[in-house]
Amino acid sequence: MKNVAVLGFGTVGSGVVEIICENDFSQKAGEPICVKAILEIREFPDSPYNKLIVNDYEKILNDPEIDIFIETMGGVNPAYPFTKRALENGKSVVTSNKELVSTHGAELLRIAKENGVNYLFEASVGGGIPIIRPISNCLAANEITEIMGILNGTTNYILTQMIKNGETFENALADAQAKGYAERNPAADVEGHDTCRKIAILSALAYGKHIDSTDIKTEGITKITLKDIEYAESVNCVIKLIGSSKKIGDKVYAKVGPLMLPHGHALSEVDGVFNAILVKGSATGDVMFYGKGAGKMPTASAVVADVIDIVKHKGTGAPFWDEGGELIEDSGDNIRLYIRVKAADKQLVESKIDAIFGKVKKIESSNDEAVFITSASKEVELNSGIAKLKVLIGDESILSVIQVLN
């Protein structure tokens, strides 16, 4: 019998408890798995699992019968010190906490290795989508050179409502909140921070070095308007929030932001709350992982799968990466940008655009706007062009800047 403690009895934690308590994993894991304690400061008198709630972390930590901690608290504090002490005390830890893994993953993995235990986090990136284990095990024969994906179901749902139903960002967000897809404070999702943490984890896993998520260039979808959606469609594209990274020598280029994808691209038709991740391997080429990236039971199922893996293969198969990953500012690739600006005098503004950017693809637009897609150029050159345009027409006149996938 393997006893586990669940830290946090929120959405994911309660799902984990339900799955473990309502199923017999003896055959899959090799022995029964039992929830012995739930760490919570709240009481849940209507829950059949209320009798398992413990308020004192020290009591759980010092219980020799508890082998595995399941951390579903979220955030860094107190999840970080609780996880660190558990690993140092010879307890394996499973988590769904993307913020903690992206911030302290390298250190916690090292501590787990030093103490002969596991720190697993399959649920931290794709919810119910298997992605961590496939990268670390199934694709181990490949050198992974590039990752890109739709990593946040909330923003993908909002953009889908804007694209398919003509909803404004504000109305689509309100709908997502009403359906439980978005938090009351949706900043982590709509400003891109959630996607940023996930691409940091995937990059560290794929390239072997810790990537600090706070250093990744990140932009959300709050500035996307229905006009941008319409202009994208006019050039046979859709807008998606994409997290991407690329290995360049021994360094990494990573970014998060809206991207115009041409219809027909593998990620362009991923709609609603679904996520999809493209991984480019040296032997396999592109491999895509697709499914619901969040939700109580899909995420909880990934957590429990990690628990079963630990019980079956104690102290083996844990992912690992080192400290010291280095991000670079420019990928060196030629890229194109969609740019939309205010233009009281459209002819004058377009002449300035031509002078700065040279040959551009002009998109038919209203008389008070100039909309165009640049020719493929280095990112640093395009950023310099945007800075010059701001000087000529005013910073507030730049309405949208979105990369267009070549």
Protein backbone atom coordinates (compact mmCIF):
# COMPACT_ATOMS: atom_id res chain seq x y z
CA MET A 1 0.00 0.00 0.00
CA LYS A 2 1.29 3.45 -0.99
CA ASN A 3 -0.10 6.33 1.03
CA VAL A 4 -0.27 9.79 -0.47
CA ALA A 5 -0.97 13.24 0.92
CA VAL A 6 -2.73 15.84 -1.20
CA LEU A 7 -1.68 19.45 -0.55
CA GLY A 8 -4.66 21.63 -1.45
CA PHE A 9 -8.30 20.61 -1.93
CA GLY A 10 -9.28 23.03 -4.68
CA THR A 11 -10.41 22.16 -8.19
CA VAL A 12 -7.50 19.90 -9.14
CA GLY A 13 -6.82 18.56 -5.65
CA SER A 14 -10.41 17.44 -5.15
CA GLY A 15 -10.34 15.76 -8.56
CA VAL A 16 -7.17 13.88 -7.61
CA VAL A 17 -8.75 12.66 -4.37
CA GLU A 18 -11.88 11.50 -6.21
CA ILE A 19 -9.90 9.55 -8.81
CA ILE A 20 -7.65 7.82 -6.26
CA CYS A 21 -10.41 7.03 -3.77
CA GLU A 22 -12.91 5.79 -6.35
CA ASN A 23 -10.55 3.55 -8.33
CA ASP A 24 -8.37 0.53 -7.58
CA PHE A 25 -4.95 1.00 -9.18
CA SER A 26 -3.44 -2.20 -7.77
CA GLN A 27 -3.02 -3.81 -11.18
CA LYS A 28 -1.64 -0.71 -12.92
CA ALA A 29 0.64 0.39 -10.08
CA GLY A 30 1.51 -3.00 -8.60
CA GLU A 31 0.00 -2.14 -5.21
CA PRO A 32 -2.95 -0.14 -3.85
CA ILE A 33 -2.76 3.67 -3.61
CA CYS A 34 -4.56 5.42 -0.76
CA VAL A 35 -5.11 9.06 0.21
CA LYS A 36 -4.13 9.27 3.88
CA ALA A 37 -4.27 13.05 4.35
CA ILE A 38 -5.41 16.27 2.69
CA LEU A 39 -3.64 19.46 3.74
CA GLU A 40 -6.16 22.32 3.90
CA ILE A 41 -6.94 25.28 6.13
CA ARG A 42 -10.63 25.07 5.18
CA GLU A 43 -13.19 22.51 6.24
CA PHE A 44 -15.49 20.75 3.75
CA PRO A 45 -18.32 19.36 5.89
CA ASP A 46 -20.32 18.26 2.84
CA SER A 47 -17.43 16.29 1.34
CA PRO A 48 -17.06 12.57 2.04
CA TYR A 49 -13.32 13.24 2.32
CA ASN A 50 -13.58 15.89 5.06
CA LYS A 51 -12.32 13.39 7.64
CA LEU A 52 -8.96 13.26 5.79
CA ILE A 53 -8.30 17.00 6.16
CA VAL A 54 -5.27 17.99 8.23
CA ASN A 55 -4.32 21.61 8.99
CA ASP A 56 -0.71 20.97 10.07
CA TYR A 57 1.94 20.44 7.37
CA GLU A 58 4.48 19.18 9.94
CA LYS A 59 2.16 16.34 10.88
CA ILE A 60 2.03 15.16 7.27
CA LEU A 61 5.74 15.71 6.63
CA ASN A 62 6.72 13.62 9.65
CA ASP A 63 4.33 10.77 8.94
CA PRO A 64 6.54 7.82 7.92
CA GLU A 65 3.59 6.06 6.29
CA ILE A 66 3.13 8.79 3.65
CA ASP A 67 5.35 8.12 0.62
CA ILE A 68 4.15 10.64 -1.97
CA PHE A 69 3.05 14.26 -1.74
CA ILE A 70 0.67 15.62 -4.40
CA GLU A 71 0.98 19.43 -4.56
CA THR A 72 -2.05 21.14 -6.13
CA MET A 73 -1.90 24.40 -4.15
CA GLY A 74 -0.68 26.61 -7.00
CA GLY A 75 1.61 29.61 -6.71
CA VAL A 76 5.08 29.63 -5.20
CA ASN A 77 4.41 30.14 -1.50
CA PRO A 78 3.96 27.97 0.46
CA ALA A 79 4.15 25.39 -2.33
CA TYR A 80 7.91 25.89 -2.82
CA PRO A 81 9.08 25.39 0.79
CA PHE A 82 6.56 22.56 1.28
CA THR A 83 7.82 20.78 -1.86
CA LYS A 84 11.49 21.35 -1.06
CA ARG A 85 11.18 19.98 2.47
CA ALA A 86 9.20 16.97 1.28
CA LEU A 87 11.89 16.05 -1.25
CA GLU A 88 14.64 16.57 1.32
CA ASN A 89 12.74 14.22 3.64
CA GLY A 90 12.68 11.44 1.05
CA LYS A 91 9.12 11.95 -0.19
CA SER A 92 8.40 11.95 -3.91
CA VAL A 93 6.30 14.89 -5.11
CA VAL A 94 3.83 15.20 -7.97
CA THR A 95 2.52 18.61 -9.00
CA SER A 96 0.30 20.46 -11.44
CA ASN A 97 1.88 23.79 -10.43
CA LYS A 98 3.32 25.41 -13.57
CA GLU A 99 4.44 28.55 -11.76
CA LEU A 100 6.52 26.57 -9.27
CA VAL A 101 8.06 24.26 -11.88
CA SER A 102 8.94 27.13 -14.23
CA THR A 103 10.52 29.09 -11.36
CA HIS A 104 12.28 26.44 -9.24
CA GLY A 105 12.15 23.30 -11.41
CA ALA A 106 15.90 22.83 -11.84
CA GLU A 107 16.57 23.11 -8.10
CA LEU A 108 13.71 20.80 -7.11
CA LEU A 109 14.72 18.19 -9.67
CA ARG A 110 18.28 18.27 -8.35
CA ILE A 111 17.07 17.83 -4.76
CA ALA A 112 14.86 14.93 -5.83
CA LYS A 113 17.79 13.25 -7.59
CA GLU A 114 20.07 13.74 -4.57
CA ASN A 115 17.49 12.09 -2.31
CA GLY A 116 16.58 9.21 -4.62
CA VAL A 117 12.99 10.32 -5.11
CA ASN A 118 10.93 11.74 -7.96
CA TYR A 119 9.55 15.17 -8.80
CA LEU A 120 7.00 14.75 -11.59
CA PHE A 121 4.82 17.41 -13.23
CA GLU A 122 3.02 16.03 -16.28
CA ALA A 123 -0.08 18.09 -15.45
CA SER A 124 1.81 21.39 -15.27
CA VAL A 125 1.82 22.03 -19.03
CA GLY A 126 -0.92 20.32 -20.99
CA GLY A 127 -3.43 19.41 -18.31
CA GLY A 128 -4.70 16.07 -19.54
CA ILE A 129 -2.48 16.07 -22.65
CA PRO A 130 0.56 13.79 -22.27
CA ILE A 131 3.57 15.94 -23.19
CA ILE A 132 6.25 15.86 -20.45
CA ARG A 133 6.74 12.09 -20.52
CA PRO A 134 6.70 11.85 -24.33
CA ILE A 135 9.41 14.52 -24.61
CA SER A 136 11.61 13.00 -21.91
CA ASN A 137 11.06 9.35 -22.86
CA CYS A 138 9.30 8.66 -26.16
CA LEU A 139 11.28 11.30 -28.10
CA ALA A 140 14.54 10.68 -26.24
CA ALA A 141 16.28 9.50 -29.44
CA ASN A 142 15.67 12.91 -31.03
CA GLU A 143 17.38 16.22 -30.63
CA ILE A 144 14.44 18.56 -30.18
CA THR A 145 15.08 21.82 -31.96
CA GLU A 146 11.78 23.67 -31.83
CA ILE A 147 8.49 23.77 -29.92
CA MET A 148 5.39 25.83 -30.60
CA GLY A 149 1.88 25.51 -29.35
CA ILE A 150 -1.47 26.76 -28.15
CA LEU A 151 -0.92 26.26 -24.44
CA ASN A 152 -3.83 28.07 -22.81
CA GLY A 153 -7.44 26.98 -23.22
CA THR A 154 -8.92 30.22 -21.88
CA THR A 155 -7.31 32.47 -24.47
CA ASN A 156 -7.98 29.97 -27.24
CA TYR A 157 -11.67 29.91 -26.29
CA ILE A 158 -11.82 33.72 -26.30
CA LEU A 159 -10.13 33.98 -29.70
CA THR A 160 -12.39 31.25 -31.10
CA GLN A 161 -15.48 33.20 -30.01
CA MET A 162 -14.07 36.32 -31.68
CA ILE A 163 -13.19 34.45 -34.89
CA LYS A 164 -16.25 32.20 -35.23
CA ASN A 165 -18.99 34.32 -33.66
CA GLY A 166 -17.80 37.91 -34.01
CA GLU A 167 -17.74 38.47 -30.25
CA THR A 168 -15.69 41.35 -28.88
CA PHE A 169 -12.80 40.49 -26.57
CA GLU A 170 -14.76 41.81 -23.58
CA ASN A 171 -17.88 39.75 -24.37
CA ALA A 172 -15.87 36.62 -25.14
CA LEU A 173 -14.01 36.97 -21.84
CA ALA A 174 -17.27 37.40 -19.92
CA ASP A 175 -18.62 34.27 -21.62
CA ALA A 176 -15.47 32.32 -20.71
CA GLN A 177 -15.84 33.42 -17.08
CA ALA A 178 -19.51 32.45 -17.03
CA LYS A 179 -18.64 28.98 -18.31
CA GLY A 180 -15.82 28.54 -15.80
CA TYR A 181 -13.05 28.63 -18.42
CA ALA A 182 -11.61 31.90 -17.08
CA GLU A 183 -10.89 33.05 -13.54
CA ARG A 184 -12.50 36.12 -12.03
CA ASN A 185 -9.06 37.72 -12.40
CA PRO A 186 -8.01 36.42 -15.84
CA ALA A 187 -4.70 38.30 -16.07
CA ALA A 188 -2.45 35.22 -15.95
CA ASP A 189 -4.28 33.81 -18.98
CA VAL A 190 -5.11 36.81 -21.16
CA GLU A 191 -1.77 38.57 -20.59
CA GLY A 192 0.15 35.44 -21.60
CA HIS A 193 1.85 34.58 -18.28
CA ASP A 194 0.35 31.07 -18.10
CA THR A 195 1.54 30.27 -21.63
CA CYS A 196 4.94 31.75 -20.78
CA ARG A 197 5.43 29.44 -17.79
CA LYS A 198 4.45 26.42 -19.86
CA ILE A 199 6.83 27.16 -22.75
CA ALA A 200 9.59 27.73 -20.18
CA ILE A 201 9.01 24.24 -18.74
CA LEU A 202 8.86 22.59 -22.17
CA SER A 203 12.00 24.41 -23.31
CA ALA A 204 13.97 23.44 -20.21
CA LEU A 205 12.90 19.82 -20.63
CA ALA A 206 13.64 19.72 -24.35
CA TYR A 207 16.95 21.60 -24.33
CA GLY A 208 18.32 20.53 -20.94
CA LYS A 209 18.79 23.95 -19.34
CA HIS A 210 16.56 25.95 -17.00
CA ILE A 211 14.76 28.81 -18.75
CA ASP A 212 13.65 31.72 -16.57
CA SER A 213 10.07 32.48 -17.59
CA THR A 214 10.40 36.09 -16.43
CA ASP A 215 12.98 36.68 -19.18
CA ILE A 216 10.75 35.45 -22.02
CA LYS A 217 9.19 38.16 -24.20
CA THR A 218 5.49 37.86 -23.45
CA GLU A 219 2.39 39.51 -24.88
CA GLY A 220 -1.21 38.47 -24.35
CA ILE A 221 -4.40 38.95 -26.35
CA THR A 222 -5.92 42.00 -24.63
CA LYS A 223 -5.10 44.27 -27.58
CA ILE A 224 -6.65 42.00 -30.23
CA THR A 225 -9.79 43.53 -31.75
CA LEU A 226 -12.43 42.29 -34.17
CA LYS A 227 -10.79 44.46 -36.84
CA ASP A 228 -7.57 42.46 -36.41
CA ILE A 229 -9.56 39.24 -36.70
CA GLU A 230 -11.21 40.51 -39.92
CA TYR A 231 -7.96 41.71 -41.48
CA ALA A 232 -6.33 38.37 -40.66
CA GLU A 233 -9.17 36.52 -42.37
CA SER A 234 -8.80 38.75 -45.44
CA VAL A 235 -5.30 37.33 -45.93
CA ASN A 236 -6.44 33.76 -45.16
CA CYS A 237 -5.09 33.71 -41.59
CA VAL A 238 -6.34 33.27 -38.03
CA ILE A 239 -4.88 34.73 -34.85
CA LYS A 240 -3.79 32.38 -32.05
CA LEU A 241 -1.82 32.95 -28.86
CA ILE A 242 1.35 30.92 -29.38
CA GLY A 243 4.18 30.01 -27.06
CA SER A 244 7.30 29.05 -28.99
CA SER A 245 10.95 28.32 -28.49
CA LYS A 246 13.89 27.34 -30.65
CA LYS A 247 17.31 25.95 -29.85
CA ILE A 248 20.04 28.03 -31.47
CA GLY A 249 23.46 26.57 -30.75
CA ASP A 250 23.67 26.24 -26.98
CA LYS A 251 21.18 29.07 -26.42
CA VAL A 252 17.39 29.40 -26.66
CA TYR A 253 15.09 31.89 -28.33
CA ALA A 254 11.60 31.95 -26.81
CA LYS A 255 8.57 34.18 -27.00
CA VAL A 256 4.85 34.30 -26.28
CA GLY A 257 2.43 36.37 -28.28
CA PRO A 258 -0.36 36.48 -30.86
CA LEU A 259 0.60 34.93 -34.18
CA MET A 260 -1.20 34.99 -37.53
CA LEU A 261 -1.35 31.44 -38.79
CA PRO A 262 -2.38 30.61 -42.37
CA HIS A 263 -5.43 28.41 -42.76
CA GLY A 264 -4.14 24.88 -43.22
CA HIS A 265 -1.44 25.16 -40.58
CA ALA A 266 -1.72 22.36 -38.00
CA LEU A 267 -2.54 24.81 -35.20
CA SER A 268 -4.91 27.06 -37.13
CA GLU A 269 -8.01 24.91 -36.61
CA VAL A 270 -7.43 24.15 -32.91
CA ASP A 271 -10.49 25.82 -31.41
CA GLY A 272 -12.32 26.29 -28.13
CA VAL A 273 -10.61 25.19 -24.92
CA PHE A 274 -8.39 22.73 -26.75
CA ASN A 275 -4.59 22.97 -26.71
CA ALA A 276 -2.07 21.64 -29.20
CA ILE A 277 1.71 21.40 -29.08
CA LEU A 278 4.04 20.87 -32.04
CA VAL A 279 7.44 19.38 -31.24
CA LYS A 280 10.13 19.19 -33.92
CA GLY A 281 12.55 16.30 -33.52
CA SER A 282 15.68 15.54 -35.52
CA ALA A 283 14.40 12.07 -36.46
CA THR A 284 10.61 12.35 -36.22
CA GLY A 285 10.07 15.79 -37.74
CA ASP A 286 6.92 17.48 -36.42
CA VAL A 287 4.89 15.60 -33.80
CA MET A 288 1.65 17.12 -32.49
CA PHE A 289 -0.05 16.57 -29.13
CA TYR A 290 -3.71 17.66 -28.92
CA GLY A 291 -6.44 17.69 -26.31
CA LYS A 292 -8.12 19.62 -23.52
CA GLY A 293 -5.36 21.49 -21.73
CA ALA A 294 -7.20 22.21 -18.50
CA GLY A 295 -10.20 21.26 -16.43
CA LYS A 296 -10.63 19.45 -13.15
CA MET A 297 -10.64 15.81 -14.25
CA PRO A 298 -8.25 15.96 -17.25
CA THR A 299 -5.63 17.67 -15.09
CA ALA A 300 -6.28 15.39 -12.12
CA SER A 301 -5.91 12.33 -14.36
CA ALA A 302 -2.43 13.49 -15.42
CA VAL A 303 -1.48 14.00 -11.76
CA VAL A 304 -2.63 10.51 -10.81
CA ALA A 305 -0.79 9.02 -13.80
CA ASP A 306 2.43 10.49 -12.36
CA VAL A 307 1.63 8.94 -8.99
CA ILE A 308 1.12 5.53 -10.60
CA ASP A 309 4.42 5.94 -12.46
CA ILE A 310 6.28 6.64 -9.20
CA VAL A 311 4.74 3.62 -7.49
CA LYS A 312 5.68 1.36 -10.40
CA HIS A 313 9.18 2.77 -10.96
CA LYS A 314 10.35 4.24 -7.67
CA GLY A 315 13.29 6.62 -8.12
CA THR A 316 13.61 6.10 -11.87
CA GLY A 317 12.53 7.90 -15.01
CA ALA A 318 12.44 11.40 -13.55
CA PRO A 319 13.02 14.27 -15.99
CA PHE A 320 16.01 16.49 -15.33
CA TRP A 321 17.56 19.73 -16.49
CA ASP A 322 20.46 21.89 -15.37
CA GLU A 323 20.64 25.50 -14.26
CA GLY A 324 22.15 28.15 -16.52
CA GLY A 325 20.02 28.26 -19.65
CA GLU A 326 20.61 31.40 -21.72
CA LEU A 327 17.96 33.22 -23.72
CA ILE A 328 18.79 35.34 -26.77
CA GLU A 329 16.83 38.38 -27.94
CA ASP A 330 16.65 37.62 -31.67
CA SER A 331 16.19 34.29 -33.41
CA GLY A 332 18.08 35.55 -36.47
CA ASP A 333 15.19 34.40 -38.67
CA ASN A 334 13.46 36.58 -41.23
CA ILE A 335 9.93 37.29 -40.05
CA ARG A 336 6.92 39.29 -41.25
CA LEU A 337 4.74 41.63 -39.22
CA TYR A 338 1.13 42.70 -39.60
CA ILE A 339 0.90 46.36 -38.59
CA ARG A 340 -2.26 48.47 -38.21
CA VAL A 341 -2.00 52.22 -37.62
CA LYS A 342 -4.26 55.25 -37.37
CA ALA A 343 -4.14 57.36 -40.52
CA ALA A 344 -6.01 60.66 -40.58
CA ASP A 345 -4.13 61.37 -43.82
CA LYS A 346 -3.91 57.88 -45.27
CA GLN A 347 -1.84 58.79 -48.33
CA LEU A 348 0.74 60.60 -46.19
CA VAL A 349 0.99 57.75 -43.65
CA GLU A 350 1.34 55.13 -46.37
CA SER A 351 4.17 57.13 -47.96
CA LYS A 352 5.99 57.11 -44.62
CA ILE A 353 5.40 53.37 -44.31
CA ASP A 354 6.87 52.80 -47.77
CA ALA A 355 9.90 54.94 -46.92
CA ILE A 356 10.61 52.98 -43.74
CA PHE A 357 9.69 49.41 -44.66
CA GLY A 358 10.13 49.36 -48.44
CA LYS A 359 7.94 46.85 -50.21
CA VAL A 360 4.88 45.91 -48.10
CA LYS A 361 1.61 44.08 -48.71
CA LYS A 362 -1.16 46.62 -48.19
CA ILE A 363 -4.46 45.29 -46.84
CA GLU A 364 -7.67 47.01 -47.91
CA SER A 365 -8.88 48.98 -44.92
CA SER A 366 -11.09 51.87 -43.78
CA ASN A 367 -10.08 55.43 -44.68
CA ASP A 368 -8.81 56.23 -41.19
CA GLU A 369 -6.39 53.29 -40.97
CA ALA A 370 -3.40 51.94 -42.82
CA VAL A 371 -2.94 48.17 -42.57
CA PHE A 372 -0.05 46.23 -44.08
CA ILE A 373 2.22 43.20 -43.81
CA THR A 374 5.95 43.76 -44.07
CA SER A 375 8.33 41.83 -46.27
CA ALA A 376 10.36 39.18 -44.46
CA SER A 377 13.18 40.84 -42.53
CA LYS A 378 15.24 40.37 -39.37
CA GLU A 379 13.25 41.03 -36.20
CA VAL A 380 15.70 43.69 -35.05
CA GLU A 381 15.31 45.57 -38.36
CA LEU A 382 11.51 45.49 -38.17
CA ASN A 383 11.56 46.69 -34.56
CA SER A 384 13.78 49.56 -35.64
CA GLY A 385 11.27 50.39 -38.40
CA ILE A 386 8.40 50.42 -35.90
CA ALA A 387 10.37 52.78 -33.64
CA LYS A 388 10.90 55.16 -36.59
CA LEU A 389 7.21 54.98 -37.49
CA LYS A 390 6.24 55.86 -33.91
CA VAL A 391 8.40 58.97 -34.10
CA LEU A 392 6.76 60.06 -37.35
CA ILE A 393 3.09 59.37 -36.53
CA GLY A 394 3.03 59.05 -32.73
CA ASP A 395 3.22 56.06 -30.41
CA GLU A 396 -0.55 56.07 -29.83
CA SER A 397 -1.16 55.69 -33.57
CA ILE A 398 0.28 52.15 -33.64
CA LEU A 399 -2.84 50.05 -33.04
CA SER A 400 -1.61 46.48 -33.64
CA VAL A 401 1.62 44.65 -34.33
CA ILE A 402 1.33 40.87 -34.81
CA GLN A 403 3.84 38.45 -36.28
CA VAL A 404 2.71 36.58 -39.37
CA LEU A 405 3.98 33.02 -39.71
CA ASN A 406 6.09 32.67 -42.85
